[in-house]
N, C-alpha and C. Protein backbone atom coordinates (compact mmCIF):
# COMPACT_ATOMS: atom_id res chain seq x y z
N MET A 1 -84.25 218.75 57.25
CA MET A 1 -84.98 218.67 58.50
C MET A 1 -84.78 219.75 59.55
N ALA A 2 -83.43 219.90 59.76
CA ALA A 2 -83.04 220.84 60.74
C ALA A 2 -83.52 222.42 60.33
N LYS A 3 -83.37 222.50 59.16
CA LYS A 3 -83.96 223.86 58.76
C LYS A 3 -85.39 224.08 58.97
N ASP A 4 -86.22 223.03 58.66
CA ASP A 4 -87.63 223.22 58.80
C ASP A 4 -87.87 223.26 60.41
N LEU A 5 -87.20 222.59 61.32
CA LEU A 5 -87.46 222.62 62.48
C LEU A 5 -87.05 224.07 63.17
N LYS A 6 -85.85 224.71 62.66
CA LYS A 6 -85.58 225.92 63.09
C LYS A 6 -86.73 226.94 62.75
N ASN A 7 -87.00 226.90 61.56
CA ASN A 7 -88.23 227.86 61.07
C ASN A 7 -89.40 227.70 61.89
N ALA A 8 -89.94 226.30 62.12
CA ALA A 8 -91.06 226.30 63.13
C ALA A 8 -90.85 226.67 64.32
N SER A 9 -89.81 226.58 65.00
CA SER A 9 -89.31 227.10 66.27
C SER A 9 -89.54 228.78 66.17
N VAL A 10 -88.92 229.47 65.22
CA VAL A 10 -88.97 231.00 65.15
C VAL A 10 -90.45 231.18 64.93
N LYS A 11 -91.11 230.61 64.01
CA LYS A 11 -92.45 230.89 63.51
C LYS A 11 -93.58 230.88 64.79
N ASN A 12 -93.45 229.68 65.47
CA ASN A 12 -94.52 229.31 66.54
C ASN A 12 -94.03 229.57 67.87
N ASP A 13 -92.66 230.32 68.07
CA ASP A 13 -92.15 230.77 69.38
C ASP A 13 -92.29 229.33 70.14
N ALA A 14 -91.55 228.21 69.65
CA ALA A 14 -91.61 226.86 70.33
C ALA A 14 -90.13 226.56 70.43
N PRO A 15 -89.55 226.49 71.56
CA PRO A 15 -87.98 226.29 71.91
C PRO A 15 -87.79 224.78 71.63
N ILE A 16 -88.95 223.92 71.76
CA ILE A 16 -88.71 222.37 71.46
C ILE A 16 -88.16 222.09 70.21
N TRP A 17 -88.70 222.91 69.13
CA TRP A 17 -88.27 222.53 67.61
C TRP A 17 -86.89 223.07 67.43
N ALA A 18 -86.23 224.02 68.15
CA ALA A 18 -84.78 224.34 68.00
C ALA A 18 -84.17 223.46 68.80
N LYS A 19 -84.47 222.65 69.79
CA LYS A 19 -83.70 221.85 70.45
C LYS A 19 -83.67 220.62 69.51
N LEU A 20 -84.84 220.25 68.94
CA LEU A 20 -84.67 219.08 67.75
C LEU A 20 -83.62 219.32 66.86
N ALA A 21 -83.72 220.68 66.39
CA ALA A 21 -82.89 220.86 65.16
C ALA A 21 -81.31 220.87 65.62
N GLU A 22 -81.09 221.15 66.78
CA GLU A 22 -79.75 220.87 67.34
C GLU A 22 -79.34 219.55 67.38
N TYR A 23 -80.32 218.59 67.87
CA TYR A 23 -80.09 217.08 67.75
C TYR A 23 -79.94 216.43 66.29
N ALA A 24 -80.59 217.13 65.37
CA ALA A 24 -80.58 216.69 63.94
C ALA A 24 -79.39 217.16 63.42
N LEU A 25 -78.58 218.07 63.76
CA LEU A 25 -77.34 218.58 63.34
C LEU A 25 -76.02 217.71 63.77
N LYS A 26 -76.39 216.89 64.92
CA LYS A 26 -75.25 216.21 65.34
C LYS A 26 -74.94 215.11 64.54
N PRO A 27 -73.78 214.53 64.45
CA PRO A 27 -73.42 213.46 63.62
C PRO A 27 -74.14 212.12 64.19
N SER A 28 -74.43 211.38 63.21
CA SER A 28 -75.21 210.14 63.65
C SER A 28 -74.68 209.27 64.67
N ILE A 29 -73.25 209.30 64.70
CA ILE A 29 -72.50 208.62 65.70
C ILE A 29 -73.00 208.95 67.24
N ALA A 30 -73.14 210.37 67.15
CA ALA A 30 -73.47 211.04 68.70
C ALA A 30 -75.01 210.84 69.00
N ARG A 31 -75.82 210.25 68.06
CA ARG A 31 -77.18 209.93 68.37
C ARG A 31 -77.42 208.70 69.20
N ARG A 32 -78.57 208.75 70.04
CA ARG A 32 -78.75 207.67 70.94
C ARG A 32 -79.73 206.65 70.53
N ASN A 33 -79.87 205.48 71.13
CA ASN A 33 -80.90 204.58 70.82
C ASN A 33 -81.67 204.37 72.07
N ILE A 34 -82.89 203.98 71.90
CA ILE A 34 -83.78 203.60 73.00
C ILE A 34 -84.62 202.48 72.63
N ASN A 35 -84.80 201.58 73.62
CA ASN A 35 -85.67 200.44 73.40
C ASN A 35 -87.28 200.72 73.74
N LEU A 36 -88.16 199.90 73.30
CA LEU A 36 -89.65 200.33 73.49
C LEU A 36 -89.79 200.19 74.99
N ASN A 37 -89.17 199.27 75.63
CA ASN A 37 -89.58 199.14 77.03
C ASN A 37 -89.06 200.38 77.85
N ARG A 38 -88.18 201.02 77.46
CA ARG A 38 -87.83 202.26 78.26
C ARG A 38 -88.87 203.39 77.80
N VAL A 39 -89.20 203.48 76.49
CA VAL A 39 -90.33 204.35 76.06
C VAL A 39 -91.56 204.23 77.09
N GLY A 40 -91.80 202.96 77.22
CA GLY A 40 -93.12 202.53 77.88
C GLY A 40 -92.88 202.96 79.36
N GLN A 41 -91.72 202.98 80.05
CA GLN A 41 -91.54 203.30 81.38
C GLN A 41 -91.70 204.94 81.61
N LEU A 42 -91.32 205.72 80.32
CA LEU A 42 -91.21 207.16 80.50
C LEU A 42 -92.33 208.08 80.06
N THR A 43 -93.32 207.00 79.53
CA THR A 43 -94.65 207.85 78.84
C THR A 43 -95.80 207.33 79.56
N LYS A 44 -96.84 208.01 79.25
CA LYS A 44 -98.14 207.47 79.74
C LYS A 44 -99.18 207.35 78.53
N GLU A 45 -100.41 206.93 78.79
CA GLU A 45 -101.44 206.75 77.91
C GLU A 45 -101.57 208.11 77.07
N SER A 46 -101.67 208.01 75.64
CA SER A 46 -101.80 209.09 74.76
C SER A 46 -100.89 210.08 74.64
N ASP A 47 -99.72 209.82 75.13
CA ASP A 47 -98.69 210.84 75.05
C ASP A 47 -98.26 210.87 73.48
N THR A 48 -97.86 212.15 73.18
CA THR A 48 -97.06 212.53 71.98
C THR A 48 -95.71 212.61 72.27
N VAL A 49 -94.68 211.75 71.78
CA VAL A 49 -93.41 211.55 72.22
C VAL A 49 -92.36 211.79 70.98
N VAL A 50 -91.48 212.52 71.10
CA VAL A 50 -90.36 212.73 70.12
C VAL A 50 -89.05 212.19 70.74
N PHE A 51 -88.30 211.40 69.92
CA PHE A 51 -86.90 210.80 70.29
C PHE A 51 -86.09 211.20 69.37
N PRO A 52 -85.07 211.98 69.51
CA PRO A 52 -84.12 212.38 68.58
C PRO A 52 -82.88 211.34 68.24
N GLY A 53 -83.26 210.07 67.89
CA GLY A 53 -82.41 208.99 67.72
C GLY A 53 -83.20 207.86 66.98
N LYS A 54 -82.78 206.53 67.51
CA LYS A 54 -83.21 205.55 66.94
C LYS A 54 -84.13 204.82 67.92
N VAL A 55 -85.43 204.34 67.59
CA VAL A 55 -86.14 203.51 68.47
C VAL A 55 -86.06 202.12 68.29
N LEU A 56 -85.73 201.15 69.09
CA LEU A 56 -85.42 199.84 68.83
C LEU A 56 -86.72 199.02 69.40
N GLY A 57 -86.72 197.61 68.78
CA GLY A 57 -88.01 196.90 69.17
C GLY A 57 -87.86 196.09 70.43
N THR A 58 -86.94 196.21 71.33
CA THR A 58 -86.83 195.21 72.50
C THR A 58 -87.86 195.80 73.68
N GLY A 59 -88.66 194.87 73.91
CA GLY A 59 -89.71 195.35 74.90
C GLY A 59 -91.10 195.70 74.20
N ASN A 60 -91.92 196.36 75.22
CA ASN A 60 -93.20 196.79 74.52
C ASN A 60 -93.53 197.94 75.22
N VAL A 61 -94.57 198.69 74.44
CA VAL A 61 -95.09 200.01 75.09
C VAL A 61 -96.45 199.52 75.45
N PRO A 62 -96.86 199.47 76.87
CA PRO A 62 -98.19 198.92 77.24
C PRO A 62 -99.26 199.85 77.01
N HIS A 63 -99.10 201.09 76.52
CA HIS A 63 -100.22 201.93 76.14
C HIS A 63 -100.08 202.50 74.85
N LYS A 64 -101.12 203.21 74.37
CA LYS A 64 -101.15 203.93 73.20
C LYS A 64 -100.19 205.43 73.06
N ILE A 65 -99.26 205.42 72.12
CA ILE A 65 -98.53 206.65 72.05
C ILE A 65 -98.53 207.12 70.62
N THR A 66 -98.31 208.43 70.39
CA THR A 66 -98.00 208.92 69.14
C THR A 66 -96.31 209.21 69.17
N LEU A 67 -95.65 208.66 68.20
CA LEU A 67 -94.17 208.66 68.15
C LEU A 67 -93.63 209.37 66.89
N CYS A 68 -92.75 210.17 67.33
CA CYS A 68 -91.87 210.65 66.15
C CYS A 68 -90.45 210.63 66.48
N SER A 69 -89.67 209.95 65.53
CA SER A 69 -88.17 209.71 65.92
C SER A 69 -87.39 209.93 64.65
N PHE A 70 -86.25 210.16 64.77
CA PHE A 70 -85.35 210.32 63.67
C PHE A 70 -85.15 209.03 62.77
N SER A 71 -85.36 207.74 63.43
CA SER A 71 -85.33 206.55 62.89
C SER A 71 -85.90 205.48 63.88
N ILE A 72 -86.44 204.44 63.23
CA ILE A 72 -87.17 203.43 64.14
C ILE A 72 -87.09 202.16 63.37
N SER A 73 -86.79 200.99 63.96
CA SER A 73 -86.80 199.82 63.52
C SER A 73 -88.23 199.34 63.23
N ASN A 74 -88.36 198.26 62.18
CA ASN A 74 -89.38 197.64 61.92
C ASN A 74 -90.25 197.06 62.96
N SER A 75 -89.51 196.27 63.75
CA SER A 75 -90.20 195.66 64.85
C SER A 75 -90.98 196.57 65.85
N ALA A 76 -90.09 197.76 66.27
CA ALA A 76 -90.74 198.76 67.00
C ALA A 76 -91.91 199.37 66.57
N ALA A 77 -91.76 199.80 65.28
CA ALA A 77 -93.05 200.29 64.50
C ALA A 77 -94.22 199.53 64.57
N ASN A 78 -94.00 198.05 64.23
CA ASN A 78 -95.08 197.07 64.31
C ASN A 78 -95.70 197.07 65.67
N LYS A 79 -94.84 197.05 66.57
CA LYS A 79 -95.36 196.86 68.02
C LYS A 79 -96.08 198.19 68.45
N ILE A 80 -95.74 199.28 68.19
CA ILE A 80 -96.46 200.50 68.50
C ILE A 80 -97.71 200.59 67.64
N ILE A 81 -97.76 200.30 66.40
CA ILE A 81 -99.17 200.11 65.65
C ILE A 81 -100.07 199.29 66.26
N GLU A 82 -99.49 197.99 66.51
CA GLU A 82 -100.36 196.95 66.98
C GLU A 82 -100.98 197.27 68.33
N ASN A 83 -100.37 198.12 69.07
CA ASN A 83 -100.91 198.51 70.54
C ASN A 83 -101.83 199.96 70.28
N GLY A 84 -102.17 200.22 69.04
CA GLY A 84 -103.07 201.20 68.82
C GLY A 84 -102.33 202.69 68.56
N GLY A 85 -100.96 202.63 68.75
CA GLY A 85 -100.35 203.84 68.57
C GLY A 85 -100.03 204.44 67.22
N LYS A 86 -99.45 205.54 67.01
CA LYS A 86 -99.12 205.98 65.62
C LYS A 86 -97.67 206.49 65.50
N ILE A 87 -97.19 206.31 64.33
CA ILE A 87 -95.80 206.80 64.02
C ILE A 87 -96.14 208.03 63.01
N ILE A 88 -95.41 209.16 63.40
CA ILE A 88 -95.73 210.19 62.39
C ILE A 88 -94.30 210.94 62.13
N SER A 89 -94.31 211.64 61.10
CA SER A 89 -93.16 212.43 60.75
C SER A 89 -93.10 213.76 61.56
N TYR A 90 -91.78 214.24 61.54
CA TYR A 90 -91.63 215.67 62.24
C TYR A 90 -92.57 216.69 61.62
N SER A 91 -92.72 216.67 60.32
CA SER A 91 -93.57 217.80 59.70
C SER A 91 -95.03 217.59 60.17
N ASN A 92 -95.43 216.33 60.20
CA ASN A 92 -96.93 216.20 60.80
C ASN A 92 -96.98 216.60 62.20
N LEU A 93 -95.83 216.19 62.92
CA LEU A 93 -95.84 216.64 64.31
C LEU A 93 -95.99 218.11 64.69
N ILE A 94 -95.32 218.78 63.79
CA ILE A 94 -95.19 220.38 63.90
C ILE A 94 -96.68 220.95 63.40
N GLU A 95 -97.24 220.18 62.34
CA GLU A 95 -98.69 220.61 62.11
C GLU A 95 -99.63 220.39 63.24
N GLN A 96 -99.53 219.43 63.78
CA GLN A 96 -100.41 219.01 64.93
C GLN A 96 -100.28 219.85 66.12
N ASN A 97 -98.85 219.98 66.47
CA ASN A 97 -98.59 220.74 67.75
C ASN A 97 -97.66 221.99 67.37
N PRO A 98 -98.03 222.93 66.83
CA PRO A 98 -97.21 224.03 66.38
C PRO A 98 -96.40 224.72 67.49
N THR A 99 -96.85 224.57 68.74
CA THR A 99 -96.04 225.38 69.80
C THR A 99 -95.46 224.37 70.34
N GLY A 100 -95.55 223.24 70.25
CA GLY A 100 -94.83 222.07 71.03
C GLY A 100 -95.47 221.64 72.37
N LYS A 101 -96.55 222.27 72.69
CA LYS A 101 -97.25 222.02 74.08
C LYS A 101 -97.71 220.56 74.01
N GLY A 102 -97.60 220.00 74.86
CA GLY A 102 -97.96 218.52 75.04
C GLY A 102 -97.16 217.55 74.39
N VAL A 103 -95.97 217.88 73.95
CA VAL A 103 -95.13 216.98 73.17
C VAL A 103 -94.07 216.66 74.13
N VAL A 104 -93.86 215.34 74.42
CA VAL A 104 -92.68 215.00 75.38
C VAL A 104 -91.50 214.60 74.60
N LEU A 105 -90.22 215.21 74.81
CA LEU A 105 -89.02 215.12 74.31
C LEU A 105 -88.25 214.06 75.16
N LEU A 106 -87.86 212.97 74.62
CA LEU A 106 -87.00 211.94 75.34
C LEU A 106 -85.69 212.12 75.00
N GLY A 107 -84.92 212.17 75.96
CA GLY A 107 -83.37 212.38 75.31
C GLY A 107 -82.87 213.59 75.89
């Protein structure tokens, strides 16, 4: 994953992918967790969001978002999908936003 992110950063001149690659190389103990209620506070309608850690299902997101994270709990994924949002992989995110423009990096 880190190698793909670094390649996308160089190819598309997008520093956001290099930053994500740095987070991917950190040990899992150093990664952060975030609850859905905090994601809802930090985002707005139709945002594309990347979180380099685990998204947990406490709370709710009151609007549609497209989320990419290193890990997500089943309850968090279900709540986002029920609200009309989407969960996508990092490779799909790079395809949709090669330069990283419009992507919100949380964390």
